Amino acid sequence: VNELLAVAASADEVRDAVNWNHDQGHVGRLHND
């Protein structure tokens, strides 16, 4: 994501964006044991 941005985002900001997308059903999550 930071490669796509002019100004880097923090890990927390990206996590918030990922969680928002997850809540919308755009992004899925699987746990790798």
PDB file of all heavy atoms in Angstrom:
ATOM      1  N   VAL A   1       0.844  -1.208   0.000  1.00  0.00           N
ATOM      2  CA  VAL A   1       0.000   0.000   0.000  1.00  0.00           C
ATOM      3  C   VAL A   1       0.873   1.248   0.000  1.00  0.00           C
ATOM      4  O   VAL A   1       0.626   2.193  -0.751  1.00  0.00           O
ATOM      5  CB  VAL A   1      -0.969  -0.010   1.205  1.00  0.00           C
ATOM      6  CG1 VAL A   1      -1.616   1.354   1.394  1.00  0.00           C
ATOM      7  CG2 VAL A   1      -2.040  -1.079   1.015  1.00  0.00           C
ATOM      8  N   ASN A   2       1.920   1.248   0.810  1.00  0.00           N
ATOM      9  CA  ASN A   2       2.784   2.427   0.885  1.00  0.00           C
ATOM     10  C   ASN A   2       3.535   2.690  -0.412  1.00  0.00           C
ATOM     11  O   ASN A   2       3.871   3.832  -0.716  1.00  0.00           O
ATOM     12  CB  ASN A   2       3.730   2.328   2.077  1.00  0.00           C
ATOM     13  CG  ASN A   2       3.040   2.753   3.355  1.00  0.00           C
ATOM     14  OD1 ASN A   2       2.176   3.628   3.346  1.00  0.00           O
ATOM     15  ND2 ASN A   2       3.392   2.120   4.446  1.00  0.00           N
ATOM     16  N   GLU A   3       3.764   1.652  -1.222  1.00  0.00           N
ATOM     17  CA  GLU A   3       4.360   1.859  -2.540  1.00  0.00           C
ATOM     18  C   GLU A   3       3.419   2.620  -3.466  1.00  0.00           C
ATOM     19  O   GLU A   3       3.872   3.270  -4.407  1.00  0.00           O
ATOM     20  CB  GLU A   3       4.734   0.516  -3.174  1.00  0.00           C
ATOM     21  CG  GLU A   3       5.924  -0.154  -2.531  1.00  0.00           C
ATOM     22  CD  GLU A   3       6.242  -1.506  -3.147  1.00  0.00           C
ATOM     23  OE1 GLU A   3       5.693  -1.835  -4.226  1.00  0.00           O
ATOM     24  OE2 GLU A   3       7.048  -2.235  -2.543  1.00  0.00           O
ATOM     25  N   LEU A   4       2.119   2.550  -3.197  1.00  0.00           N
ATOM     26  CA  LEU A   4       1.116   3.219  -4.032  1.00  0.00           C
ATOM     27  C   LEU A   4       0.812   4.649  -3.587  1.00  0.00           C
ATOM     28  O   LEU A   4       0.120   5.372  -4.293  1.00  0.00           O
ATOM     29  CB  LEU A   4      -0.191   2.414  -4.019  1.00  0.00           C
ATOM     30  CG  LEU A   4      -0.114   0.983  -4.550  1.00  0.00           C
ATOM     31  CD1 LEU A   4      -1.446   0.271  -4.311  1.00  0.00           C
ATOM     32  CD2 LEU A   4       0.254   0.976  -6.020  1.00  0.00           C
ATOM     33  N   LEU A   5       1.303   5.028  -2.415  1.00  0.00           N
ATOM     34  CA  LEU A   5       0.982   6.331  -1.841  1.00  0.00           C
ATOM     35  C   LEU A   5       2.136   7.318  -1.978  1.00  0.00           C
ATOM     36  O   LEU A   5       3.301   6.931  -1.908  1.00  0.00           O
ATOM     37  CB  LEU A   5       0.650   6.181  -0.351  1.00  0.00           C
ATOM     38  CG  LEU A   5      -0.579   5.365   0.004  1.00  0.00           C
ATOM     39  CD1 LEU A   5      -0.624   5.117   1.506  1.00  0.00           C
ATOM     40  CD2 LEU A   5      -1.843   6.086  -0.452  1.00  0.00           C
ATOM     41  N   ALA A   6       1.800   8.600  -2.146  1.00  0.00           N
ATOM     42  CA  ALA A   6       2.822   9.643  -2.178  1.00  0.00           C
ATOM     43  C   ALA A   6       3.418   9.852  -0.785  1.00  0.00           C
ATOM     44  O   ALA A   6       4.608  10.089  -0.635  1.00  0.00           O
ATOM     45  CB  ALA A   6       2.216  10.944  -2.698  1.00  0.00           C
ATOM     46  N   VAL A   7       2.570   9.762   0.237  1.00  0.00           N
ATOM     47  CA  VAL A   7       2.993   9.895   1.629  1.00  0.00           C
ATOM     48  C   VAL A   7       2.635   8.606   2.340  1.00  0.00           C
ATOM     49  O   VAL A   7       1.479   8.193   2.339  1.00  0.00           O
ATOM     50  CB  VAL A   7       2.291  11.099   2.317  1.00  0.00           C
ATOM     51  CG1 VAL A   7       2.678  11.186   3.783  1.00  0.00           C
ATOM     52  CG2 VAL A   7       2.610  12.396   1.584  1.00  0.00           C
ATOM     53  N   ALA A   8       3.624   7.979   2.938  1.00  0.00           N
ATOM     54  CA  ALA A   8       3.423   6.674   3.575  1.00  0.00           C
ATOM     55  C   ALA A   8       2.387   6.742   4.691  1.00  0.00           C
ATOM     56  O   ALA A   8       2.298   7.730   5.420  1.00  0.00           O
ATOM     57  CB  ALA A   8       4.740   6.147   4.122  1.00  0.00           C
ATOM     58  N   ALA A   9       1.622   5.678   4.816  1.00  0.00           N
ATOM     59  CA  ALA A   9       0.636   5.532   5.893  1.00  0.00           C
ATOM     60  C   ALA A   9       1.258   4.685   6.996  1.00  0.00           C
ATOM     61  O   ALA A   9       2.117   3.831   6.735  1.00  0.00           O
ATOM     62  CB  ALA A   9      -0.623   4.862   5.366  1.00  0.00           C
ATOM     63  N   SER A  10       0.809   4.907   8.212  1.00  0.00           N
ATOM     64  CA  SER A  10       1.309   4.102   9.327  1.00  0.00           C
ATOM     65  C   SER A  10       0.674   2.715   9.271  1.00  0.00           C
ATOM     66  O   SER A  10      -0.342   2.503   8.600  1.00  0.00           O
ATOM     67  CB  SER A  10       0.966   4.776  10.657  1.00  0.00           C
ATOM     68  OG  SER A  10      -0.430   4.682  10.905  1.00  0.00           O
ATOM     69  N   ALA A  11       1.263   1.782   9.996  1.00  0.00           N
ATOM     70  CA  ALA A  11       0.707   0.428  10.069  1.00  0.00           C
ATOM     71  C   ALA A  11      -0.699   0.468  10.642  1.00  0.00           C
ATOM     72  O   ALA A  11      -1.575  -0.292  10.204  1.00  0.00           O
ATOM     73  CB  ALA A  11       1.618  -0.458  10.916  1.00  0.00           C
ATOM     74  N   ASP A  12      -0.952   1.348  11.614  1.00  0.00           N
ATOM     75  CA  ASP A  12      -2.286   1.472  12.204  1.00  0.00           C
ATOM     76  C   ASP A  12      -3.304   1.975  11.186  1.00  0.00           C
ATOM     77  O   ASP A  12      -4.438   1.498  11.140  1.00  0.00           O
ATOM     78  CB  ASP A  12      -2.269   2.404  13.420  1.00  0.00           C
ATOM     79  CG  ASP A  12      -1.568   1.796  14.619  1.00  0.00           C
ATOM     80  OD1 ASP A  12      -1.448   0.552  14.686  1.00  0.00           O
ATOM     81  OD2 ASP A  12      -1.136   2.574  15.494  1.00  0.00           O
ATOM     82  N   GLU A  13      -2.901   2.946  10.361  1.00  0.00           N
ATOM     83  CA  GLU A  13      -3.811   3.468   9.342  1.00  0.00           C
ATOM     84  C   GLU A  13      -4.166   2.389   8.319  1.00  0.00           C
ATOM     85  O   GLU A  13      -5.325   2.264   7.922  1.00  0.00           O
ATOM     86  CB  GLU A  13      -3.183   4.671   8.624  1.00  0.00           C
ATOM     87  CG  GLU A  13      -3.082   5.910   9.467  1.00  0.00           C
ATOM     88  CD  GLU A  13      -2.365   7.026   8.751  1.00  0.00           C
ATOM     89  OE1 GLU A  13      -1.270   6.784   8.201  1.00  0.00           O
ATOM     90  OE2 GLU A  13      -2.910   8.148   8.730  1.00  0.00           O
ATOM     91  N   VAL A  14      -3.172   1.623   7.903  1.00  0.00           N
ATOM     92  CA  VAL A  14      -3.430   0.555   6.937  1.00  0.00           C
ATOM     93  C   VAL A  14      -4.315  -0.505   7.572  1.00  0.00           C
ATOM     94  O   VAL A  14      -5.255  -0.993   6.951  1.00  0.00           O
ATOM     95  CB  VAL A  14      -2.116  -0.043   6.397  1.00  0.00           C
ATOM     96  CG1 VAL A  14      -2.402  -1.256   5.511  1.00  0.00           C
ATOM     97  CG2 VAL A  14      -1.329   1.010   5.629  1.00  0.00           C
ATOM     98  N   ARG A  15      -4.047  -0.850   8.830  1.00  0.00           N
ATOM     99  CA  ARG A  15      -4.882  -1.840   9.519  1.00  0.00           C
ATOM    100  C   ARG A  15      -6.334  -1.358   9.586  1.00  0.00           C
ATOM    101  O   ARG A  15      -7.257  -2.136   9.339  1.00  0.00           O
ATOM    102  CB  ARG A  15      -4.355  -2.113  10.928  1.00  0.00           C
ATOM    103  CG  ARG A  15      -5.125  -3.239  11.627  1.00  0.00           C
ATOM    104  CD  ARG A  15      -4.782  -3.381  13.091  1.00  0.00           C
ATOM    105  NE  ARG A  15      -5.214  -2.189  13.797  1.00  0.00           N
ATOM    106  CZ  ARG A  15      -4.390  -1.377  14.473  1.00  0.00           C
ATOM    107  NH1 ARG A  15      -3.120  -1.627  14.560  1.00  0.00           N
ATOM    108  NH2 ARG A  15      -4.862  -0.308  15.071  1.00  0.00           N
ATOM    109  N   ASP A  16      -6.549  -0.082   9.882  1.00  0.00           N
ATOM    110  CA  ASP A  16      -7.909   0.464   9.916  1.00  0.00           C
ATOM    111  C   ASP A  16      -8.569   0.351   8.540  1.00  0.00           C
ATOM    112  O   ASP A  16      -9.754   0.012   8.432  1.00  0.00           O
ATOM    113  CB  ASP A  16      -7.903   1.925  10.368  1.00  0.00           C
ATOM    114  CG  ASP A  16      -7.540   2.100  11.830  1.00  0.00           C
ATOM    115  OD1 ASP A  16      -7.598   1.115  12.596  1.00  0.00           O
ATOM    116  OD2 ASP A  16      -7.173   3.234  12.209  1.00  0.00           O
ATOM    117  N   ALA A  17      -7.802   0.623   7.477  1.00  0.00           N
ATOM    118  CA  ALA A  17      -8.340   0.529   6.113  1.00  0.00           C
ATOM    119  C   ALA A  17      -8.661  -0.921   5.752  1.00  0.00           C
ATOM    120  O   ALA A  17      -9.681  -1.205   5.115  1.00  0.00           O
ATOM    121  CB  ALA A  17      -7.343   1.123   5.115  1.00  0.00           C
ATOM    122  N   VAL A  18      -7.805  -1.841   6.160  1.00  0.00           N
ATOM    123  CA  VAL A  18      -8.048  -3.267   5.911  1.00  0.00           C
ATOM    124  C   VAL A  18      -9.300  -3.714   6.651  1.00  0.00           C
ATOM    125  O   VAL A  18     -10.164  -4.396   6.087  1.00  0.00           O
ATOM    126  CB  VAL A  18      -6.822  -4.116   6.314  1.00  0.00           C
ATOM    127  CG1 VAL A  18      -7.149  -5.600   6.299  1.00  0.00           C
ATOM    128  CG2 VAL A  18      -5.644  -3.817   5.404  1.00  0.00           C
ATOM    129  N   ASN A  19      -9.416  -3.317   7.921  1.00  0.00           N
ATOM    130  CA  ASN A  19     -10.598  -3.700   8.709  1.00  0.00           C
ATOM    131  C   ASN A  19     -11.875  -3.112   8.124  1.00  0.00           C
ATOM    132  O   ASN A  19     -12.915  -3.780   8.111  1.00  0.00           O
ATOM    133  CB  ASN A  19     -10.427  -3.285  10.169  1.00  0.00           C
ATOM    134  CG  ASN A  19      -9.450  -4.181  10.889  1.00  0.00           C
ATOM    135  OD1 ASN A  19      -9.285  -5.355  10.555  1.00  0.00           O
ATOM    136  ND2 ASN A  19      -8.776  -3.638  11.882  1.00  0.00           N
ATOM    137  N   TRP A  20     -11.826  -1.887   7.620  1.00  0.00           N
ATOM    138  CA  TRP A  20     -13.000  -1.278   6.986  1.00  0.00           C
ATOM    139  C   TRP A  20     -13.399  -2.109   5.770  1.00  0.00           C
ATOM    140  O   TRP A  20     -14.577  -2.427   5.577  1.00  0.00           O
ATOM    141  CB  TRP A  20     -12.716   0.171   6.589  1.00  0.00           C
ATOM    142  CG  TRP A  20     -13.912   0.864   6.029  1.00  0.00           C
ATOM    143  CD1 TRP A  20     -14.835   1.590   6.723  1.00  0.00           C
ATOM    144  CD2 TRP A  20     -14.339   0.877   4.657  1.00  0.00           C
ATOM    145  NE1 TRP A  20     -15.802   2.051   5.858  1.00  0.00           N
ATOM    146  CE2 TRP A  20     -15.524   1.630   4.590  1.00  0.00           C
ATOM    147  CE3 TRP A  20     -13.834   0.326   3.491  1.00  0.00           C
ATOM    148  CZ2 TRP A  20     -16.206   1.847   3.401  1.00  0.00           C
ATOM    149  CZ3 TRP A  20     -14.516   0.534   2.298  1.00  0.00           C
ATOM    150  CH2 TRP A  20     -15.686   1.292   2.267  1.00  0.00           C
ATOM    151  N   ASN A  21     -12.414  -2.454   4.928  1.00  0.00           N
ATOM    152  CA  ASN A  21     -12.697  -3.267   3.748  1.00  0.00           C
ATOM    153  C   ASN A  21     -13.225  -4.641   4.143  1.00  0.00           C
ATOM    154  O   ASN A  21     -14.097  -5.191   3.469  1.00  0.00           O
ATOM    155  CB  ASN A  21     -11.434  -3.412   2.883  1.00  0.00           C
ATOM    156  CG  ASN A  21     -11.238  -2.237   1.962  1.00  0.00           C
ATOM    157  OD1 ASN A  21     -12.000  -2.037   1.032  1.00  0.00           O
ATOM    158  ND2 ASN A  21     -10.218  -1.447   2.221  1.00  0.00           N
ATOM    159  N   HIS A  22     -12.715  -5.192   5.222  1.00  0.00           N
ATOM    160  CA  HIS A  22     -13.195  -6.490   5.719  1.00  0.00           C
ATOM    161  C   HIS A  22     -14.662  -6.375   6.137  1.00  0.00           C
ATOM    162  O   HIS A  22     -15.476  -7.241   5.804  1.00  0.00           O
ATOM    163  CB  HIS A  22     -12.320  -6.955   6.879  1.00  0.00           C
ATOM    164  CG  HIS A  22     -12.641  -8.327   7.361  1.00  0.00           C
ATOM    165  ND1 HIS A  22     -13.395  -8.541   8.483  1.00  0.00           N
ATOM    166  CD2 HIS A  22     -12.331  -9.545   6.869  1.00  0.00           C
ATOM    167  CE1 HIS A  22     -13.529  -9.845   8.669  1.00  0.00           C
ATOM    168  NE2 HIS A  22     -12.893 -10.473   7.703  1.00  0.00           N
ATOM    169  N   ASP A  23     -14.986  -5.303   6.856  1.00  0.00           N
ATOM    170  CA  ASP A  23     -16.377  -5.082   7.291  1.00  0.00           C
ATOM    171  C   ASP A  23     -17.332  -4.939   6.100  1.00  0.00           C
ATOM    172  O   ASP A  23     -18.497  -5.309   6.194  1.00  0.00           O
ATOM    173  CB  ASP A  23     -16.481  -3.838   8.172  1.00  0.00           C
ATOM    174  CG  ASP A  23     -15.830  -4.013   9.530  1.00  0.00           C
ATOM    175  OD1 ASP A  23     -15.525  -5.164   9.915  1.00  0.00           O
ATOM    176  OD2 ASP A  23     -15.602  -2.989  10.211  1.00  0.00           O
ATOM    177  N   GLN A  24     -16.818  -4.408   4.990  1.00  0.00           N
ATOM    178  CA  GLN A  24     -17.639  -4.215   3.789  1.00  0.00           C
ATOM    179  C   GLN A  24     -17.712  -5.476   2.931  1.00  0.00           C
ATOM    180  O   GLN A  24     -18.444  -5.514   1.949  1.00  0.00           O
ATOM    181  CB  GLN A  24     -17.077  -3.064   2.936  1.00  0.00           C
ATOM    182  CG  GLN A  24     -17.008  -1.737   3.654  1.00  0.00           C
ATOM    183  CD  GLN A  24     -18.361  -1.279   4.165  1.00  0.00           C
ATOM    184  OE1 GLN A  24     -19.330  -1.274   3.413  1.00  0.00           O
ATOM    185  NE2 GLN A  24     -18.421  -0.907   5.424  1.00  0.00           N
ATOM    186  N   GLY A  25     -16.931  -6.488   3.267  1.00  0.00           N
ATOM    187  CA  GLY A  25     -16.926  -7.724   2.499  1.00  0.00           C
ATOM    188  C   GLY A  25     -15.980  -7.720   1.311  1.00  0.00           C
ATOM    189  O   GLY A  25     -15.989  -8.648   0.500  1.00  0.00           O
ATOM    190  N   HIS A  26     -15.145  -6.673   1.189  1.00  0.00           N
ATOM    191  CA  HIS A  26     -14.210  -6.579   0.061  1.00  0.00           C
ATOM    192  C   HIS A  26     -12.939  -7.388   0.296  1.00  0.00           C
ATOM    193  O   HIS A  26     -12.279  -7.790  -0.659  1.00  0.00           O
ATOM    194  CB  HIS A  26     -13.821  -5.126  -0.203  1.00  0.00           C
ATOM    195  CG  HIS A  26     -14.971  -4.234  -0.505  1.00  0.00           C
ATOM    196  ND1 HIS A  26     -15.927  -4.515  -1.463  1.00  0.00           N
ATOM    197  CD2 HIS A  26     -15.344  -3.051   0.034  1.00  0.00           C
ATOM    198  CE1 HIS A  26     -16.818  -3.548  -1.495  1.00  0.00           C
ATOM    199  NE2 HIS A  26     -16.488  -2.653  -0.603  1.00  0.00           N
ATOM    200  N   VAL A  27     -12.587  -7.561   1.553  1.00  0.00           N
ATOM    201  CA  VAL A  27     -11.344  -8.232   1.922  1.00  0.00           C
ATOM    202  C   VAL A  27     -11.669  -9.375   2.874  1.00  0.00           C
ATOM    203  O   VAL A  27     -12.508  -9.227   3.758  1.00  0.00           O
ATOM    204  CB  VAL A  27     -10.376  -7.223   2.590  1.00  0.00           C
ATOM    205  CG1 VAL A  27      -9.169  -7.912   3.178  1.00  0.00           C
ATOM    206  CG2 VAL A  27      -9.932  -6.170   1.588  1.00  0.00           C
ATOM    207  N   GLY A  28     -11.007 -10.500   2.669  1.00  0.00           N
ATOM    208  CA  GLY A  28     -11.187 -11.647   3.550  1.00  0.00           C
ATOM    209  C   GLY A  28      -9.916 -11.901   4.348  1.00  0.00           C
ATOM    210  O   GLY A  28      -8.834 -11.417   4.003  1.00  0.00           O
ATOM    211  N   ARG A  29     -10.080 -12.675   5.408  1.00  0.00           N
ATOM    212  CA  ARG A  29      -8.952 -12.988   6.283  1.00  0.00           C
ATOM    213  C   ARG A  29      -8.982 -14.475   6.621  1.00  0.00           C
ATOM    214  O   ARG A  29     -10.023 -15.027   6.948  1.00  0.00           O
ATOM    215  CB  ARG A  29      -9.058 -12.162   7.564  1.00  0.00           C
ATOM    216  CG  ARG A  29      -8.027 -12.509   8.605  1.00  0.00           C
ATOM    217  CD  ARG A  29      -8.207 -11.702   9.863  1.00  0.00           C
ATOM    218  NE  ARG A  29      -9.499 -12.024  10.463  1.00  0.00           N
ATOM    219  CZ  ARG A  29     -10.164 -11.222  11.271  1.00  0.00           C
ATOM    220  NH1 ARG A  29      -9.702 -10.041  11.566  1.00  0.00           N
ATOM    221  NH2 ARG A  29     -11.317 -11.599  11.781  1.00  0.00           N
ATOM    222  N   LEU A  30      -7.833 -15.099   6.527  1.00  0.00           N
ATOM    223  CA  LEU A  30      -7.673 -16.490   6.949  1.00  0.00           C
ATOM    224  C   LEU A  30      -6.470 -16.554   7.880  1.00  0.00           C
ATOM    225  O   LEU A  30      -5.476 -15.860   7.663  1.00  0.00           O
ATOM    226  CB  LEU A  30      -7.431 -17.415   5.759  1.00  0.00           C
ATOM    227  CG  LEU A  30      -8.619 -17.689   4.857  1.00  0.00           C
ATOM    228  CD1 LEU A  30      -8.193 -18.508   3.652  1.00  0.00           C
ATOM    229  CD2 LEU A  30      -9.717 -18.414   5.616  1.00  0.00           C
ATOM    230  N   HIS A  31      -6.577 -17.387   8.900  1.00  0.00           N
ATOM    231  CA  HIS A  31      -5.452 -17.542   9.821  1.00  0.00           C
ATOM    232  C   HIS A  31      -4.543 -18.653   9.316  1.00  0.00           C
ATOM    233  O   HIS A  31      -4.994 -19.763   9.039  1.00  0.00           O
ATOM    234  CB  HIS A  31      -5.939 -17.858  11.238  1.00  0.00           C
ATOM    235  CG  HIS A  31      -4.824 -17.881  12.230  1.00  0.00           C
ATOM    236  ND1 HIS A  31      -4.222 -16.722  12.675  1.00  0.00           N
ATOM    237  CD2 HIS A  31      -4.185 -18.906  12.832  1.00  0.00           C
ATOM    238  CE1 HIS A  31      -3.267 -17.046  13.529  1.00  0.00           C
ATOM    239  NE2 HIS A  31      -3.217 -18.370  13.629  1.00  0.00           N
ATOM    240  N   ASN A  32      -3.261 -18.352   9.188  1.00  0.00           N
ATOM    241  CA  ASN A  32      -2.266 -19.325   8.774  1.00  0.00           C
ATOM    242  C   ASN A  32      -1.639 -19.893  10.037  1.00  0.00           C
ATOM    243  O   ASN A  32      -0.882 -19.218  10.732  1.00  0.00           O
ATOM    244  CB  ASN A  32      -1.212 -18.663   7.887  1.00  0.00           C
ATOM    245  CG  ASN A  32      -0.180 -19.634   7.370  1.00  0.00           C
ATOM    246  OD1 ASN A  32       0.208 -20.579   8.043  1.00  0.00           O
ATOM    247  ND2 ASN A  32       0.273 -19.381   6.146  1.00  0.00           N
ATOM    248  N   ASP A  33      -1.990 -21.145  10.359  1.00  0.00           N
ATOM    249  CA  ASP A  33      -1.480 -21.771  11.586  1.00  0.00           C
ATOM    250  C   ASP A  33       0.034 -21.947  11.550  1.00  0.00           C
ATOM    251  O   ASP A  33       0.693 -21.842  12.582  1.00  0.00           O
ATOM    252  CB  ASP A  33      -2.153 -23.127  11.816  1.00  0.00           C
ATOM    253  CG  ASP A  33      -3.626 -22.980  12.163  1.00  0.00           C
ATOM    254  OD1 ASP A  33      -4.005 -21.944  12.742  1.00  0.00           O
ATOM    255  OD2 ASP A  33      -4.401 -23.901  11.842  1.00  0.00           O
TER     256      ASP A  33
END
